[in-house]
């Protein structure tokens, strides 16, 4: 079994992206699954194309995309991606789409096909804070999640996919009040989430309603 694990490069003036740095620390094999890592650009369109090329090349059994959500204090598996780009800042190529559909003929939203509640529970069992998020935002993270799920629905219906946000790391918050998490803990949380993906083909029943 194989899992494609993606992470973005730094964006928004940040020197690092904790998603990218943590994914580099993730083990190459988890629960018997081979982990294939991919860096994707924080660019509308290009991020989806990079992930699509890797999916077609690697033929994974599951795809987990990781992104930074500065201000969150938990690791948050995302439940849903919506069909809209509405960027508060420009991406790394200077694009800043406003109220633009990701896929003109696509559905309003795609739900993650990963066991998001089991992932959050596994991360908490590992001693780290986690909850299911009901909003992946409207920037490149949501764009990638929607684009990947759209591709999987159309071309690879047997492949599961989804997204998880991670917090800042401490060095990003030295001059601003924001929660953070140690890089090694973020990596450990990602590994716990992957373990849950390997274990659970269907999600667990649990209370995980959140605002974000």
N, C-alpha and C. Protein backbone atom coordinates (compact mmCIF):
# COMPACT_ATOMS: atom_id res chain seq x y z
N UNK A 1 0.85 -1.19 0.00
CA UNK A 1 0.00 0.00 0.00
C UNK A 1 0.89 1.25 0.00
N UNK A 2 0.36 2.30 -0.60
CA UNK A 2 1.17 3.51 -0.77
C UNK A 2 0.32 4.75 -0.49
N UNK A 3 0.95 5.72 0.19
CA UNK A 3 0.29 7.00 0.47
C UNK A 3 1.13 8.14 -0.08
N UNK A 4 0.52 9.01 -0.86
CA UNK A 4 1.17 10.22 -1.33
C UNK A 4 0.94 11.32 -0.30
N UNK A 5 2.04 11.89 0.20
CA UNK A 5 2.00 12.91 1.24
C UNK A 5 2.56 14.20 0.66
N UNK A 6 1.72 15.23 0.53
CA UNK A 6 2.17 16.48 -0.07
C UNK A 6 2.27 17.58 0.98
N UNK A 7 3.11 18.58 0.67
CA UNK A 7 3.25 19.74 1.54
C UNK A 7 3.64 20.95 0.70
N UNK A 8 3.20 22.12 1.12
CA UNK A 8 3.48 23.36 0.41
C UNK A 8 4.83 23.95 0.78
N UNK A 9 5.37 24.77 -0.12
CA UNK A 9 6.54 25.57 0.20
C UNK A 9 6.11 26.81 0.99
N UNK A 10 7.05 27.59 1.55
CA UNK A 10 6.68 28.79 2.33
C UNK A 10 5.92 29.81 1.48
N UNK A 11 5.03 30.56 2.12
CA UNK A 11 4.22 31.55 1.41
C UNK A 11 3.92 32.71 2.36
N UNK A 12 3.36 33.76 1.79
CA UNK A 12 2.92 34.89 2.60
C UNK A 12 4.03 35.60 3.35
N UNK A 13 5.24 35.55 2.81
CA UNK A 13 6.36 36.22 3.47
C UNK A 13 7.04 35.40 4.54
N UNK A 14 6.58 34.18 4.78
CA UNK A 14 7.20 33.32 5.79
C UNK A 14 8.50 32.72 5.27
N UNK A 15 9.45 32.55 6.16
CA UNK A 15 10.73 31.95 5.77
C UNK A 15 10.63 30.44 5.65
N UNK A 16 9.75 29.83 6.45
CA UNK A 16 9.56 28.38 6.41
C UNK A 16 8.07 28.06 6.36
N UNK A 17 7.76 26.86 5.99
CA UNK A 17 6.40 26.33 6.08
C UNK A 17 6.47 25.08 6.95
N UNK A 18 5.80 25.06 8.11
CA UNK A 18 5.89 23.90 8.99
C UNK A 18 5.36 22.62 8.35
N UNK A 19 4.44 22.75 7.40
CA UNK A 19 3.96 21.56 6.69
C UNK A 19 5.11 20.91 5.93
N UNK A 20 5.83 21.72 5.19
CA UNK A 20 6.96 21.21 4.41
C UNK A 20 8.04 20.60 5.30
N UNK A 21 8.39 21.32 6.38
CA UNK A 21 9.46 20.85 7.26
C UNK A 21 9.06 19.58 8.00
N UNK A 22 7.81 19.51 8.45
CA UNK A 22 7.36 18.33 9.18
C UNK A 22 7.28 17.11 8.28
N UNK A 23 6.79 17.29 7.06
CA UNK A 23 6.70 16.16 6.13
C UNK A 23 8.07 15.57 5.86
N UNK A 24 9.08 16.40 5.82
CA UNK A 24 10.44 15.88 5.63
C UNK A 24 10.86 14.94 6.76
N UNK A 25 10.30 15.13 7.95
CA UNK A 25 10.65 14.30 9.11
C UNK A 25 9.82 13.03 9.21
N UNK A 26 8.73 12.95 8.47
CA UNK A 26 7.83 11.80 8.56
C UNK A 26 8.55 10.55 8.05
N UNK A 27 8.29 9.42 8.71
CA UNK A 27 8.92 8.15 8.34
C UNK A 27 8.57 7.75 6.91
N UNK A 28 9.44 6.96 6.32
CA UNK A 28 9.25 6.51 4.94
C UNK A 28 8.26 5.35 4.84
N UNK A 29 7.98 4.72 5.98
CA UNK A 29 6.99 3.63 6.03
C UNK A 29 6.23 3.72 7.33
N UNK A 30 4.91 3.64 7.26
CA UNK A 30 4.05 3.74 8.44
C UNK A 30 2.97 2.67 8.32
N UNK A 31 2.86 1.84 9.34
CA UNK A 31 1.83 0.79 9.39
C UNK A 31 1.84 -0.06 8.12
N UNK A 32 3.03 -0.31 7.59
CA UNK A 32 3.14 -1.14 6.39
C UNK A 32 2.91 -0.40 5.09
N UNK A 33 2.62 0.91 5.16
CA UNK A 33 2.38 1.72 3.96
C UNK A 33 3.65 2.45 3.56
N UNK A 34 3.97 2.43 2.27
CA UNK A 34 5.06 3.25 1.74
C UNK A 34 4.60 4.70 1.65
N UNK A 35 5.42 5.63 2.12
CA UNK A 35 5.09 7.04 2.11
C UNK A 35 5.92 7.73 1.02
N UNK A 36 5.22 8.28 0.04
CA UNK A 36 5.86 9.04 -1.03
C UNK A 36 5.60 10.52 -0.77
N UNK A 37 6.67 11.30 -0.68
CA UNK A 37 6.55 12.72 -0.31
C UNK A 37 6.68 13.61 -1.54
N UNK A 38 5.91 14.69 -1.54
CA UNK A 38 5.91 15.61 -2.66
C UNK A 38 5.77 17.04 -2.16
N UNK A 39 6.67 17.93 -2.57
CA UNK A 39 6.51 19.35 -2.32
C UNK A 39 5.73 19.97 -3.46
N UNK A 40 4.69 20.73 -3.13
CA UNK A 40 3.90 21.40 -4.16
C UNK A 40 4.01 22.91 -3.98
N UNK A 41 3.93 23.67 -5.06
CA UNK A 41 4.04 25.13 -4.95
C UNK A 41 2.75 25.75 -4.40
N UNK A 42 2.91 26.79 -3.63
CA UNK A 42 1.74 27.50 -3.11
C UNK A 42 1.24 28.44 -4.20
N UNK A 43 0.69 27.83 -5.22
CA UNK A 43 0.23 28.55 -6.41
C UNK A 43 -1.07 27.90 -6.88
N UNK A 44 -2.08 28.73 -7.11
CA UNK A 44 -3.34 28.22 -7.66
C UNK A 44 -3.07 27.54 -9.00
N UNK A 45 -3.69 26.43 -9.22
CA UNK A 45 -3.52 25.70 -10.48
C UNK A 45 -2.29 24.82 -10.47
N UNK A 46 -1.11 25.41 -10.26
CA UNK A 46 0.13 24.65 -10.29
C UNK A 46 0.17 23.59 -9.19
N UNK A 47 -0.37 23.89 -8.03
CA UNK A 47 -0.37 22.92 -6.93
C UNK A 47 -1.16 21.67 -7.31
N UNK A 48 -2.31 21.86 -7.92
CA UNK A 48 -3.13 20.72 -8.33
C UNK A 48 -2.44 19.93 -9.45
N UNK A 49 -1.83 20.65 -10.40
CA UNK A 49 -1.15 19.96 -11.48
C UNK A 49 0.02 19.12 -10.97
N UNK A 50 0.76 19.65 -10.01
CA UNK A 50 1.88 18.89 -9.44
C UNK A 50 1.39 17.63 -8.74
N UNK A 51 0.32 17.77 -7.96
CA UNK A 51 -0.24 16.61 -7.26
C UNK A 51 -0.80 15.60 -8.25
N UNK A 52 -1.47 16.09 -9.30
CA UNK A 52 -2.06 15.19 -10.29
C UNK A 52 -0.98 14.38 -11.00
N UNK A 53 0.13 15.02 -11.34
CA UNK A 53 1.23 14.30 -11.99
C UNK A 53 1.76 13.20 -11.08
N UNK A 54 1.89 13.49 -9.78
CA UNK A 54 2.40 12.49 -8.85
C UNK A 54 1.40 11.35 -8.66
N UNK A 55 0.12 11.67 -8.64
CA UNK A 55 -0.90 10.63 -8.50
C UNK A 55 -0.87 9.70 -9.70
N UNK A 56 -0.75 10.27 -10.88
CA UNK A 56 -0.72 9.44 -12.10
C UNK A 56 0.55 8.61 -12.16
N UNK A 57 1.64 9.15 -11.65
CA UNK A 57 2.93 8.43 -11.68
C UNK A 57 3.01 7.36 -10.60
N UNK A 58 2.60 7.69 -9.39
CA UNK A 58 2.78 6.81 -8.24
C UNK A 58 1.63 5.84 -8.02
N UNK A 59 0.43 6.18 -8.51
CA UNK A 59 -0.77 5.36 -8.29
C UNK A 59 -0.92 5.00 -6.80
N UNK A 60 -1.04 5.99 -5.93
CA UNK A 60 -1.16 5.69 -4.49
C UNK A 60 -2.54 5.14 -4.15
N UNK A 61 -2.62 4.56 -2.97
CA UNK A 61 -3.91 4.10 -2.44
C UNK A 61 -4.64 5.21 -1.69
N UNK A 62 -3.89 6.22 -1.25
CA UNK A 62 -4.47 7.35 -0.54
C UNK A 62 -3.57 8.56 -0.74
N UNK A 63 -4.16 9.75 -0.62
CA UNK A 63 -3.44 11.02 -0.74
C UNK A 63 -3.77 11.86 0.48
N UNK A 64 -2.75 12.34 1.16
CA UNK A 64 -2.93 13.25 2.29
C UNK A 64 -2.10 14.50 2.00
N UNK A 65 -2.77 15.63 1.88
CA UNK A 65 -2.09 16.90 1.66
C UNK A 65 -2.00 17.66 2.98
N UNK A 66 -0.87 18.31 3.22
CA UNK A 66 -0.62 19.01 4.47
C UNK A 66 -0.37 20.49 4.17
N UNK A 67 -0.96 21.37 4.99
CA UNK A 67 -0.76 22.80 4.82
C UNK A 67 -0.71 23.51 6.16
N UNK A 68 -0.20 24.73 6.13
CA UNK A 68 -0.09 25.57 7.33
C UNK A 68 -1.37 26.36 7.55
N UNK A 69 -1.83 26.36 8.79
CA UNK A 69 -2.95 27.22 9.19
C UNK A 69 -2.50 28.04 10.39
N UNK A 70 -1.82 29.15 10.13
CA UNK A 70 -1.35 30.00 11.21
C UNK A 70 -2.50 30.52 12.05
N UNK A 71 -2.37 30.40 13.38
CA UNK A 71 -3.43 30.80 14.29
C UNK A 71 -4.17 29.64 14.91
N UNK A 72 -4.13 28.49 14.26
CA UNK A 72 -4.75 27.30 14.86
C UNK A 72 -3.77 26.69 15.86
N UNK A 73 -4.33 26.10 16.90
CA UNK A 73 -3.50 25.52 17.95
C UNK A 73 -3.50 24.00 17.91
N UNK A 74 -4.17 23.42 16.90
CA UNK A 74 -4.31 21.97 16.80
C UNK A 74 -3.94 21.50 15.40
N UNK A 75 -3.73 20.21 15.25
CA UNK A 75 -3.70 19.60 13.93
C UNK A 75 -5.15 19.33 13.55
N UNK A 76 -5.52 19.73 12.34
CA UNK A 76 -6.93 19.70 11.99
C UNK A 76 -7.18 19.01 10.64
N UNK A 77 -7.53 17.74 10.65
CA UNK A 77 -8.00 17.11 9.41
C UNK A 77 -9.22 17.85 8.90
N UNK A 78 -9.24 18.12 7.60
CA UNK A 78 -10.32 18.89 7.00
C UNK A 78 -11.43 17.97 6.50
N UNK A 79 -12.66 18.35 6.83
CA UNK A 79 -13.81 17.55 6.42
C UNK A 79 -14.24 17.83 4.98
N UNK A 80 -14.11 19.10 4.52
CA UNK A 80 -14.74 19.48 3.25
C UNK A 80 -13.91 20.55 2.54
N UNK A 81 -13.93 20.50 1.21
CA UNK A 81 -13.35 21.54 0.36
C UNK A 81 -14.47 22.13 -0.48
N UNK A 82 -14.48 23.47 -0.62
CA UNK A 82 -15.54 24.13 -1.38
C UNK A 82 -15.01 24.64 -2.71
N UNK A 83 -15.91 24.78 -3.67
CA UNK A 83 -15.54 25.13 -5.04
C UNK A 83 -15.42 26.64 -5.21
N UNK A 84 -14.47 27.24 -4.52
CA UNK A 84 -14.26 28.68 -4.63
C UNK A 84 -12.82 29.04 -4.30
N UNK A 85 -12.26 29.94 -5.08
CA UNK A 85 -10.99 30.59 -4.77
C UNK A 85 -11.31 32.03 -4.41
N UNK A 86 -10.90 32.45 -3.21
CA UNK A 86 -11.15 33.82 -2.76
C UNK A 86 -9.97 34.22 -1.88
N UNK A 87 -8.90 34.65 -2.52
CA UNK A 87 -7.61 34.78 -1.85
C UNK A 87 -7.48 36.12 -1.12
N UNK A 88 -7.16 36.06 0.17
CA UNK A 88 -6.93 37.29 0.95
C UNK A 88 -5.55 37.87 0.67
N UNK A 89 -4.61 37.02 0.19
CA UNK A 89 -3.28 37.45 -0.22
C UNK A 89 -2.96 36.78 -1.55
N UNK A 90 -1.92 37.28 -2.21
CA UNK A 90 -1.49 36.66 -3.46
C UNK A 90 -0.74 35.36 -3.17
N UNK A 91 -0.81 34.43 -4.11
CA UNK A 91 -0.03 33.20 -3.98
C UNK A 91 1.42 33.48 -4.38
N UNK A 92 2.24 32.47 -4.44
CA UNK A 92 3.66 32.67 -4.71
C UNK A 92 3.98 33.06 -6.15
N UNK A 93 2.97 33.05 -7.01
CA UNK A 93 3.16 33.52 -8.38
C UNK A 93 2.47 34.85 -8.62
N UNK A 94 1.94 35.45 -7.55
CA UNK A 94 1.26 36.74 -7.67
C UNK A 94 -0.20 36.67 -8.03
N UNK A 95 -0.76 35.46 -8.08
CA UNK A 95 -2.18 35.31 -8.40
C UNK A 95 -3.03 35.58 -7.17
N UNK A 96 -4.14 36.28 -7.34
CA UNK A 96 -5.06 36.53 -6.24
C UNK A 96 -6.50 36.48 -6.74
N UNK A 97 -6.99 35.27 -7.05
CA UNK A 97 -8.36 35.16 -7.56
C UNK A 97 -9.39 35.54 -6.50
N UNK A 98 -10.44 36.18 -6.96
CA UNK A 98 -11.52 36.60 -6.08
C UNK A 98 -12.83 35.99 -6.58
N UNK A 99 -13.51 35.26 -5.70
CA UNK A 99 -14.82 34.69 -6.02
C UNK A 99 -14.81 33.89 -7.32
N UNK A 100 -13.75 33.12 -7.53
CA UNK A 100 -13.62 32.34 -8.76
C UNK A 100 -13.84 30.86 -8.47
N UNK A 101 -14.64 30.17 -9.26
CA UNK A 101 -14.80 28.72 -9.05
C UNK A 101 -13.51 27.99 -9.38
N UNK A 102 -13.24 26.93 -8.64
CA UNK A 102 -12.08 26.09 -8.94
C UNK A 102 -12.35 25.27 -10.20
N UNK A 103 -13.54 24.67 -10.26
CA UNK A 103 -13.99 23.92 -11.43
C UNK A 103 -15.37 24.45 -11.83
N UNK A 104 -15.46 25.06 -13.00
CA UNK A 104 -16.72 25.70 -13.40
C UNK A 104 -17.88 24.73 -13.41
N UNK A 105 -17.63 23.49 -13.78
CA UNK A 105 -18.70 22.50 -13.85
C UNK A 105 -18.65 21.52 -12.68
N UNK A 106 -17.84 21.84 -11.66
CA UNK A 106 -17.71 20.95 -10.51
C UNK A 106 -18.79 21.15 -9.48
N UNK A 107 -18.96 20.21 -8.57
CA UNK A 107 -19.93 20.36 -7.50
C UNK A 107 -19.53 21.46 -6.53
N UNK A 108 -20.48 21.89 -5.71
CA UNK A 108 -20.21 22.97 -4.76
C UNK A 108 -19.13 22.59 -3.76
N UNK A 109 -19.03 21.31 -3.44
CA UNK A 109 -18.05 20.87 -2.44
C UNK A 109 -17.75 19.40 -2.61
N UNK A 110 -16.59 19.01 -2.08
CA UNK A 110 -16.22 17.60 -1.95
C UNK A 110 -15.89 17.33 -0.48
N UNK A 111 -16.40 16.23 0.02
CA UNK A 111 -16.03 15.80 1.36
C UNK A 111 -14.79 14.92 1.29
N UNK A 112 -13.93 15.04 2.29
CA UNK A 112 -12.76 14.17 2.39
C UNK A 112 -13.20 12.72 2.38
N UNK A 113 -12.42 11.89 1.74
CA UNK A 113 -12.69 10.44 1.76
C UNK A 113 -11.74 9.72 2.71
N UNK A 114 -11.00 10.49 3.51
CA UNK A 114 -10.18 9.94 4.57
C UNK A 114 -10.97 9.89 5.87
N UNK A 115 -10.57 9.04 6.82
CA UNK A 115 -11.31 8.92 8.09
C UNK A 115 -10.92 10.05 9.05
N UNK A 116 -11.48 11.24 8.81
CA UNK A 116 -11.01 12.44 9.51
C UNK A 116 -11.20 12.37 11.03
N UNK A 117 -12.28 11.75 11.47
CA UNK A 117 -12.51 11.64 12.91
C UNK A 117 -11.54 10.64 13.54
N UNK A 118 -11.29 9.55 12.85
CA UNK A 118 -10.31 8.59 13.35
C UNK A 118 -8.92 9.20 13.36
N UNK A 119 -8.62 10.04 12.38
CA UNK A 119 -7.32 10.72 12.35
C UNK A 119 -7.16 11.64 13.55
N UNK A 120 -8.17 12.44 13.83
CA UNK A 120 -8.10 13.35 14.98
C UNK A 120 -7.96 12.57 16.28
N UNK A 121 -8.70 11.48 16.40
CA UNK A 121 -8.61 10.66 17.61
C UNK A 121 -7.22 10.05 17.77
N UNK A 122 -6.64 9.60 16.67
CA UNK A 122 -5.30 8.99 16.73
C UNK A 122 -4.25 10.02 17.12
N UNK A 123 -4.39 11.24 16.62
CA UNK A 123 -3.45 12.30 16.99
C UNK A 123 -3.55 12.62 18.48
N UNK A 124 -4.77 12.70 18.98
CA UNK A 124 -4.95 12.96 20.43
C UNK A 124 -4.40 11.80 21.25
N UNK A 125 -4.58 10.57 20.77
CA UNK A 125 -4.05 9.41 21.48
C UNK A 125 -2.53 9.48 21.56
N UNK A 126 -1.91 10.12 20.57
CA UNK A 126 -0.46 10.29 20.57
C UNK A 126 -0.01 11.43 21.48
N UNK A 127 -0.98 12.08 22.15
CA UNK A 127 -0.66 13.13 23.11
C UNK A 127 -0.60 14.53 22.53
N UNK A 128 -1.24 14.73 21.37
CA UNK A 128 -1.20 16.03 20.70
C UNK A 128 -2.62 16.54 20.47
N UNK A 129 -2.82 17.86 20.46
CA UNK A 129 -4.17 18.40 20.24
C UNK A 129 -4.60 18.27 18.79
N UNK A 130 -5.85 17.90 18.59
CA UNK A 130 -6.38 17.73 17.24
C UNK A 130 -7.90 17.82 17.26
N UNK A 131 -8.47 18.27 16.18
CA UNK A 131 -9.91 18.24 15.99
C UNK A 131 -10.21 18.29 14.50
N UNK A 132 -11.42 17.89 14.14
CA UNK A 132 -11.85 17.95 12.74
C UNK A 132 -12.23 19.40 12.43
N UNK A 133 -11.74 19.90 11.31
CA UNK A 133 -12.09 21.24 10.85
C UNK A 133 -13.15 21.15 9.76
N UNK A 134 -14.08 22.10 9.78
CA UNK A 134 -15.12 22.16 8.77
C UNK A 134 -14.92 23.29 7.77
N UNK A 135 -13.73 23.90 7.78
CA UNK A 135 -13.41 24.92 6.78
C UNK A 135 -11.93 24.89 6.47
N UNK A 136 -11.60 24.57 5.23
CA UNK A 136 -10.22 24.60 4.77
C UNK A 136 -9.85 25.96 4.21
N UNK A 137 -10.73 26.96 4.40
CA UNK A 137 -10.49 28.30 3.90
C UNK A 137 -10.82 28.43 2.43
N UNK A 138 -10.28 29.47 1.81
CA UNK A 138 -10.52 29.70 0.37
C UNK A 138 -9.23 30.04 -0.35
N UNK A 139 -8.08 29.69 0.25
CA UNK A 139 -6.77 29.96 -0.35
C UNK A 139 -6.28 28.69 -1.05
N UNK A 140 -4.99 28.53 -1.23
CA UNK A 140 -4.46 27.43 -2.03
C UNK A 140 -4.66 26.07 -1.34
N UNK A 141 -4.75 26.05 -0.02
CA UNK A 141 -5.00 24.78 0.68
C UNK A 141 -6.34 24.18 0.25
N UNK A 142 -7.40 24.98 0.33
CA UNK A 142 -8.71 24.51 -0.10
C UNK A 142 -8.69 24.19 -1.59
N UNK A 143 -8.00 25.01 -2.37
CA UNK A 143 -7.89 24.80 -3.82
C UNK A 143 -7.28 23.43 -4.12
N UNK A 144 -6.20 23.10 -3.42
CA UNK A 144 -5.55 21.80 -3.64
C UNK A 144 -6.43 20.65 -3.20
N UNK A 145 -7.04 20.78 -2.03
CA UNK A 145 -7.90 19.70 -1.54
C UNK A 145 -9.04 19.45 -2.52
N UNK A 146 -9.69 20.53 -2.98
CA UNK A 146 -10.79 20.36 -3.93
C UNK A 146 -10.27 19.74 -5.24
N UNK A 147 -9.16 20.26 -5.74
CA UNK A 147 -8.63 19.76 -7.00
C UNK A 147 -8.24 18.30 -6.95
N UNK A 148 -7.62 17.88 -5.85
CA UNK A 148 -7.24 16.48 -5.71
C UNK A 148 -8.48 15.59 -5.63
N UNK A 149 -9.45 15.99 -4.83
CA UNK A 149 -10.67 15.18 -4.69
C UNK A 149 -11.44 15.13 -6.01
N UNK A 150 -11.42 16.22 -6.76
CA UNK A 150 -12.09 16.23 -8.07
C UNK A 150 -11.41 15.23 -9.02
N UNK A 151 -10.08 15.24 -9.03
CA UNK A 151 -9.34 14.29 -9.87
C UNK A 151 -9.62 12.86 -9.46
N UNK A 152 -9.57 12.59 -8.15
CA UNK A 152 -9.80 11.22 -7.68
C UNK A 152 -11.21 10.76 -8.02
N UNK A 153 -12.18 11.64 -7.88
CA UNK A 153 -13.56 11.28 -8.20
C UNK A 153 -13.70 10.91 -9.67
N UNK A 154 -13.05 11.67 -10.54
CA UNK A 154 -13.19 11.46 -11.97
C UNK A 154 -12.35 10.30 -12.49
N UNK A 155 -11.10 10.18 -12.01
CA UNK A 155 -10.16 9.24 -12.62
C UNK A 155 -9.75 8.08 -11.74
N UNK A 156 -9.79 8.24 -10.43
CA UNK A 156 -9.31 7.22 -9.51
C UNK A 156 -10.30 7.03 -8.36
N UNK A 157 -11.50 6.57 -8.64
CA UNK A 157 -12.54 6.50 -7.60
C UNK A 157 -12.21 5.59 -6.44
N UNK A 158 -11.25 4.69 -6.60
CA UNK A 158 -10.88 3.82 -5.50
C UNK A 158 -9.82 4.39 -4.58
N UNK A 159 -9.29 5.57 -4.92
CA UNK A 159 -8.24 6.19 -4.13
C UNK A 159 -8.86 7.21 -3.17
N UNK A 160 -8.48 7.12 -1.90
CA UNK A 160 -8.99 8.06 -0.91
C UNK A 160 -8.10 9.29 -0.83
N UNK A 161 -8.69 10.43 -0.46
CA UNK A 161 -7.90 11.65 -0.40
C UNK A 161 -8.45 12.65 0.59
N UNK A 162 -7.57 13.55 1.03
CA UNK A 162 -7.99 14.60 1.94
C UNK A 162 -6.84 15.51 2.32
N UNK A 163 -7.08 16.35 3.30
CA UNK A 163 -6.15 17.43 3.66
C UNK A 163 -6.12 17.58 5.18
N UNK A 164 -4.98 18.03 5.68
CA UNK A 164 -4.86 18.35 7.10
C UNK A 164 -4.02 19.61 7.28
N UNK A 165 -4.50 20.52 8.13
CA UNK A 165 -3.76 21.73 8.46
C UNK A 165 -2.95 21.52 9.74
N UNK A 166 -1.81 22.21 9.80
CA UNK A 166 -0.95 22.15 10.98
C UNK A 166 -0.65 23.58 11.44
N UNK A 167 -0.31 23.76 12.73
CA UNK A 167 -0.06 25.11 13.25
C UNK A 167 1.32 25.65 12.85
N UNK A 168 1.54 26.93 13.24
CA UNK A 168 2.88 27.49 13.18
C UNK A 168 3.84 26.68 14.05
N UNK A 169 5.13 26.82 13.77
CA UNK A 169 6.17 26.33 14.68
C UNK A 169 6.66 27.52 15.50
N UNK A 170 7.31 27.29 16.66
CA UNK A 170 7.67 28.38 17.57
C UNK A 170 8.45 29.52 16.92
N UNK A 171 9.37 29.23 16.02
CA UNK A 171 10.18 30.30 15.45
C UNK A 171 9.37 31.26 14.58
N UNK A 172 8.14 30.87 14.22
CA UNK A 172 7.30 31.76 13.42
C UNK A 172 6.51 32.75 14.27
N UNK A 173 6.50 32.56 15.59
CA UNK A 173 5.65 33.39 16.44
C UNK A 173 6.45 34.17 17.47
N UNK A 174 7.73 34.36 17.23
CA UNK A 174 8.55 35.10 18.19
C UNK A 174 8.16 36.56 18.30
N UNK A 175 7.56 37.12 17.25
CA UNK A 175 7.19 38.54 17.27
C UNK A 175 5.70 38.77 17.09
N UNK A 176 4.89 37.74 17.27
CA UNK A 176 3.44 37.90 17.16
C UNK A 176 2.75 36.91 18.08
N UNK A 177 1.63 37.28 18.66
CA UNK A 177 0.92 36.36 19.56
C UNK A 177 0.10 35.35 18.76
N UNK A 178 0.58 34.12 18.70
CA UNK A 178 -0.12 33.06 17.98
C UNK A 178 0.30 31.73 18.55
N UNK A 179 -0.59 30.75 18.55
CA UNK A 179 -0.21 29.41 19.03
C UNK A 179 0.79 28.75 18.09
N UNK A 180 1.55 27.81 18.63
CA UNK A 180 2.53 27.10 17.81
C UNK A 180 2.70 25.68 18.36
N UNK A 181 3.39 24.85 17.61
CA UNK A 181 3.65 23.48 17.99
C UNK A 181 5.05 23.11 17.52
N UNK A 182 5.76 22.33 18.30
CA UNK A 182 7.11 21.91 17.92
C UNK A 182 7.07 21.10 16.63
N UNK A 183 8.06 21.31 15.79
CA UNK A 183 8.11 20.64 14.49
C UNK A 183 8.07 19.13 14.64
N UNK A 184 8.80 18.58 15.59
CA UNK A 184 8.81 17.12 15.79
C UNK A 184 7.43 16.61 16.19
N UNK A 185 6.68 17.41 16.95
CA UNK A 185 5.33 17.01 17.32
C UNK A 185 4.39 17.04 16.13
N UNK A 186 4.54 18.03 15.27
CA UNK A 186 3.72 18.07 14.06
C UNK A 186 3.98 16.83 13.21
N UNK A 187 5.25 16.48 13.05
CA UNK A 187 5.58 15.27 12.28
C UNK A 187 4.98 14.03 12.93
N UNK A 188 5.05 13.97 14.25
CA UNK A 188 4.49 12.82 14.97
C UNK A 188 2.97 12.76 14.78
N UNK A 189 2.33 13.93 14.76
CA UNK A 189 0.89 13.97 14.53
C UNK A 189 0.51 13.52 13.14
N UNK A 190 1.31 13.90 12.15
CA UNK A 190 1.06 13.44 10.78
C UNK A 190 1.20 11.92 10.71
N UNK A 191 2.20 11.39 11.36
CA UNK A 191 2.38 9.94 11.35
C UNK A 191 1.21 9.23 12.02
N UNK A 192 0.69 9.81 13.11
CA UNK A 192 -0.48 9.22 13.77
C UNK A 192 -1.69 9.25 12.85
N UNK A 193 -1.85 10.35 12.13
CA UNK A 193 -2.97 10.45 11.19
C UNK A 193 -2.86 9.41 10.08
N UNK A 194 -1.66 9.22 9.57
CA UNK A 194 -1.45 8.21 8.52
C UNK A 194 -1.73 6.82 9.06
N UNK A 195 -1.34 6.57 10.30
CA UNK A 195 -1.65 5.29 10.92
C UNK A 195 -3.15 5.03 10.96
N UNK A 196 -3.93 6.09 11.23
CA UNK A 196 -5.39 5.95 11.24
C UNK A 196 -5.93 5.69 9.84
N UNK A 197 -5.35 6.33 8.84
CA UNK A 197 -5.77 6.09 7.46
C UNK A 197 -5.53 4.64 7.08
N UNK A 198 -4.37 4.12 7.49
CA UNK A 198 -4.05 2.72 7.20
C UNK A 198 -5.00 1.76 7.91
N UNK A 199 -5.44 2.13 9.10
CA UNK A 199 -6.25 1.23 9.92
C UNK A 199 -7.73 1.30 9.58
N UNK A 200 -8.22 2.46 9.20
CA UNK A 200 -9.66 2.68 9.06
C UNK A 200 -10.05 2.97 7.60
N UNK A 201 -10.71 2.03 6.97
CA UNK A 201 -11.28 2.30 5.65
C UNK A 201 -12.54 3.13 5.78
N UNK A 202 -13.25 2.96 6.87
CA UNK A 202 -14.44 3.76 7.18
C UNK A 202 -14.15 4.56 8.43
N UNK A 203 -14.75 5.73 8.53
CA UNK A 203 -14.49 6.60 9.67
C UNK A 203 -15.24 6.10 10.90
N UNK A 204 -14.78 6.55 12.06
CA UNK A 204 -15.45 6.22 13.31
C UNK A 204 -16.59 7.20 13.57
N UNK A 205 -17.51 6.82 14.44
CA UNK A 205 -18.59 7.72 14.87
C UNK A 205 -18.13 8.41 16.15
N UNK A 206 -17.99 9.72 16.09
CA UNK A 206 -17.51 10.47 17.24
C UNK A 206 -17.96 11.91 17.11
N UNK A 207 -18.06 12.61 18.22
CA UNK A 207 -18.42 14.01 18.22
C UNK A 207 -17.19 14.83 17.83
N UNK A 208 -17.27 15.55 16.73
CA UNK A 208 -16.13 16.35 16.25
C UNK A 208 -16.58 17.67 15.63
N UNK A 209 -17.75 18.17 16.00
CA UNK A 209 -18.21 19.43 15.44
C UNK A 209 -17.37 20.59 15.92
N UNK A 210 -16.91 21.44 15.00
CA UNK A 210 -16.12 22.61 15.34
C UNK A 210 -16.58 23.79 14.51
N UNK A 211 -16.15 24.99 14.91
CA UNK A 211 -16.52 26.20 14.17
C UNK A 211 -15.69 26.32 12.89
N UNK A 212 -14.37 26.19 13.01
CA UNK A 212 -13.53 26.31 11.82
C UNK A 212 -13.40 24.98 11.10
